[in-house]
Amino acid sequence: MGRPPLKQAYTVSYAKDGIELKRYTITALTQLAAETEADSRFLRAHPEIKALDTIARRVEAH
């Protein structure tokens, strides 16, 4: 039996005009999966933001 794929922790932070709005730490198999989950959580928490175009996103792997 092989080992299951290892998940990695990613910190995804959102900022607007240099001010951090929110930071999420997500454990996922890929960075794309972590970004997708963080985007979903952020947009649910901030329904007034219609698009992420005006928000800066930074991703760090741990």
N, C-alpha and C. Protein backbone atom coordinates (compact mmCIF):
# COMPACT_ATOMS: atom_id res chain seq x y z
N MET A 1 0.84 -1.19 0.00
CA MET A 1 0.00 0.00 0.00
C MET A 1 0.88 1.24 0.00
N GLY A 2 0.53 2.18 -0.86
CA GLY A 2 1.27 3.43 -0.91
C GLY A 2 0.74 4.43 0.11
N ARG A 3 1.54 5.41 0.35
CA ARG A 3 1.11 6.47 1.28
C ARG A 3 0.14 7.40 0.57
N PRO A 4 -0.82 7.96 1.29
CA PRO A 4 -1.73 8.93 0.67
C PRO A 4 -0.96 10.21 0.35
N PRO A 5 -1.44 10.98 -0.63
CA PRO A 5 -0.76 12.23 -0.97
C PRO A 5 -0.73 13.16 0.24
N LEU A 6 0.36 13.87 0.39
CA LEU A 6 0.51 14.77 1.53
C LEU A 6 -0.08 16.13 1.22
N LYS A 7 -0.87 16.61 2.14
CA LYS A 7 -1.42 17.95 2.00
C LYS A 7 -0.40 18.94 2.52
N GLN A 8 -0.49 20.17 2.03
CA GLN A 8 0.42 21.22 2.45
C GLN A 8 -0.41 22.41 2.93
N ALA A 9 0.13 23.15 3.84
CA ALA A 9 -0.56 24.34 4.36
C ALA A 9 -0.19 25.55 3.49
N TYR A 10 -1.21 26.32 3.14
CA TYR A 10 -1.04 27.55 2.37
C TYR A 10 -1.72 28.68 3.13
N THR A 11 -1.08 29.82 3.19
CA THR A 11 -1.70 31.01 3.76
C THR A 11 -2.04 31.93 2.60
N VAL A 12 -3.32 32.25 2.51
CA VAL A 12 -3.81 33.14 1.44
C VAL A 12 -4.30 34.41 2.12
N SER A 13 -3.72 35.55 1.74
CA SER A 13 -4.14 36.81 2.36
C SER A 13 -4.65 37.75 1.29
N TYR A 14 -5.62 38.55 1.68
CA TYR A 14 -6.28 39.50 0.78
C TYR A 14 -6.05 40.90 1.30
N ALA A 15 -5.72 41.83 0.40
CA ALA A 15 -5.47 43.22 0.80
C ALA A 15 -6.06 44.16 -0.24
N LYS A 16 -6.43 45.34 0.23
CA LYS A 16 -6.92 46.39 -0.67
C LYS A 16 -6.29 47.69 -0.21
N ASP A 17 -5.67 48.39 -1.15
CA ASP A 17 -4.99 49.66 -0.85
C ASP A 17 -3.96 49.50 0.25
N GLY A 18 -3.26 48.37 0.27
CA GLY A 18 -2.21 48.13 1.24
C GLY A 18 -2.68 47.71 2.62
N ILE A 19 -3.98 47.56 2.81
CA ILE A 19 -4.53 47.16 4.11
C ILE A 19 -5.02 45.72 4.01
N GLU A 20 -4.51 44.88 4.90
CA GLU A 20 -4.92 43.47 4.87
C GLU A 20 -6.37 43.36 5.33
N LEU A 21 -7.17 42.68 4.53
CA LEU A 21 -8.58 42.50 4.85
C LEU A 21 -8.83 41.18 5.58
N LYS A 22 -8.20 40.12 5.10
CA LYS A 22 -8.46 38.80 5.68
C LYS A 22 -7.31 37.88 5.33
N ARG A 23 -7.07 36.89 6.21
CA ARG A 23 -6.03 35.90 5.97
C ARG A 23 -6.60 34.53 6.30
N TYR A 24 -6.38 33.58 5.42
CA TYR A 24 -6.84 32.21 5.63
C TYR A 24 -5.64 31.27 5.56
N THR A 25 -5.61 30.28 6.44
CA THR A 25 -4.64 29.20 6.33
C THR A 25 -5.42 27.95 5.97
N ILE A 26 -5.08 27.38 4.82
CA ILE A 26 -5.84 26.25 4.29
C ILE A 26 -4.88 25.11 3.99
N THR A 27 -5.28 23.91 4.34
CA THR A 27 -4.51 22.71 4.02
C THR A 27 -5.12 22.09 2.77
N ALA A 28 -4.29 21.91 1.75
CA ALA A 28 -4.79 21.38 0.49
C ALA A 28 -3.69 20.59 -0.22
N LEU A 29 -4.10 19.82 -1.22
CA LEU A 29 -3.13 19.05 -2.00
C LEU A 29 -2.34 19.94 -2.95
N THR A 30 -2.99 20.99 -3.49
CA THR A 30 -2.32 21.88 -4.44
C THR A 30 -2.56 23.33 -4.07
N GLN A 31 -1.71 24.20 -4.59
CA GLN A 31 -1.88 25.62 -4.34
C GLN A 31 -3.17 26.13 -4.99
N LEU A 32 -3.48 25.62 -6.17
CA LEU A 32 -4.70 26.04 -6.85
C LEU A 32 -5.94 25.71 -6.02
N ALA A 33 -5.96 24.53 -5.42
CA ALA A 33 -7.09 24.13 -4.57
C ALA A 33 -7.21 25.06 -3.37
N ALA A 34 -6.08 25.42 -2.78
CA ALA A 34 -6.09 26.33 -1.63
C ALA A 34 -6.60 27.72 -2.04
N GLU A 35 -6.15 28.21 -3.19
CA GLU A 35 -6.60 29.53 -3.67
C GLU A 35 -8.10 29.52 -3.95
N THR A 36 -8.59 28.46 -4.56
CA THR A 36 -10.01 28.36 -4.88
C THR A 36 -10.86 28.35 -3.62
N GLU A 37 -10.44 27.58 -2.62
CA GLU A 37 -11.17 27.51 -1.35
C GLU A 37 -11.14 28.86 -0.64
N ALA A 38 -9.98 29.50 -0.62
CA ALA A 38 -9.86 30.81 0.04
C ALA A 38 -10.72 31.85 -0.66
N ASP A 39 -10.71 31.85 -2.00
CA ASP A 39 -11.54 32.80 -2.75
C ASP A 39 -13.01 32.61 -2.41
N SER A 40 -13.43 31.36 -2.34
CA SER A 40 -14.81 31.05 -2.02
C SER A 40 -15.18 31.57 -0.64
N ARG A 41 -14.32 31.30 0.34
CA ARG A 41 -14.58 31.76 1.71
C ARG A 41 -14.61 33.29 1.78
N PHE A 42 -13.66 33.92 1.10
CA PHE A 42 -13.56 35.39 1.14
C PHE A 42 -14.80 36.04 0.53
N LEU A 43 -15.22 35.55 -0.63
CA LEU A 43 -16.39 36.13 -1.30
C LEU A 43 -17.68 35.88 -0.52
N ARG A 44 -17.77 34.74 0.17
CA ARG A 44 -18.94 34.48 1.02
C ARG A 44 -18.97 35.42 2.22
N ALA A 45 -17.79 35.71 2.77
CA ALA A 45 -17.70 36.58 3.94
C ALA A 45 -17.87 38.06 3.58
N HIS A 46 -17.61 38.41 2.33
CA HIS A 46 -17.68 39.80 1.88
C HIS A 46 -18.56 39.90 0.64
N PRO A 47 -19.88 39.78 0.80
CA PRO A 47 -20.77 39.80 -0.37
C PRO A 47 -20.76 41.15 -1.10
N GLU A 48 -20.28 42.20 -0.44
CA GLU A 48 -20.24 43.52 -1.10
C GLU A 48 -19.16 43.58 -2.18
N ILE A 49 -18.22 42.65 -2.14
CA ILE A 49 -17.16 42.61 -3.16
C ILE A 49 -17.63 41.67 -4.27
N LYS A 50 -17.82 42.23 -5.44
CA LYS A 50 -18.37 41.44 -6.56
C LYS A 50 -17.29 40.70 -7.33
N ALA A 51 -16.09 41.29 -7.41
CA ALA A 51 -15.00 40.66 -8.17
C ALA A 51 -13.70 40.85 -7.42
N LEU A 52 -12.82 39.90 -7.59
CA LEU A 52 -11.54 39.97 -6.90
C LEU A 52 -10.51 40.82 -7.66
N ASP A 53 -10.93 41.48 -8.75
CA ASP A 53 -10.01 42.29 -9.56
C ASP A 53 -9.37 43.41 -8.75
N THR A 54 -10.14 43.99 -7.81
CA THR A 54 -9.65 45.13 -7.06
C THR A 54 -8.94 44.73 -5.77
N ILE A 55 -8.84 43.42 -5.52
CA ILE A 55 -8.25 42.91 -4.28
C ILE A 55 -6.94 42.22 -4.61
N ALA A 56 -5.89 42.54 -3.85
CA ALA A 56 -4.60 41.87 -4.03
C ALA A 56 -4.61 40.58 -3.21
N ARG A 57 -4.13 39.51 -3.82
CA ARG A 57 -4.08 38.21 -3.13
C ARG A 57 -2.64 37.73 -3.10
N ARG A 58 -2.20 37.26 -1.93
CA ARG A 58 -0.85 36.73 -1.78
C ARG A 58 -0.95 35.32 -1.20
N VAL A 59 -0.19 34.39 -1.77
CA VAL A 59 -0.22 33.00 -1.31
C VAL A 59 1.19 32.60 -0.86
N GLU A 60 1.27 32.01 0.32
CA GLU A 60 2.53 31.49 0.85
C GLU A 60 2.35 30.02 1.19
N ALA A 61 3.32 29.21 0.79
CA ALA A 61 3.28 27.79 1.15
C ALA A 61 4.12 27.58 2.40
N HIS A 62 3.67 26.68 3.27
CA HIS A 62 4.39 26.41 4.53
C HIS A 62 4.87 24.97 4.54
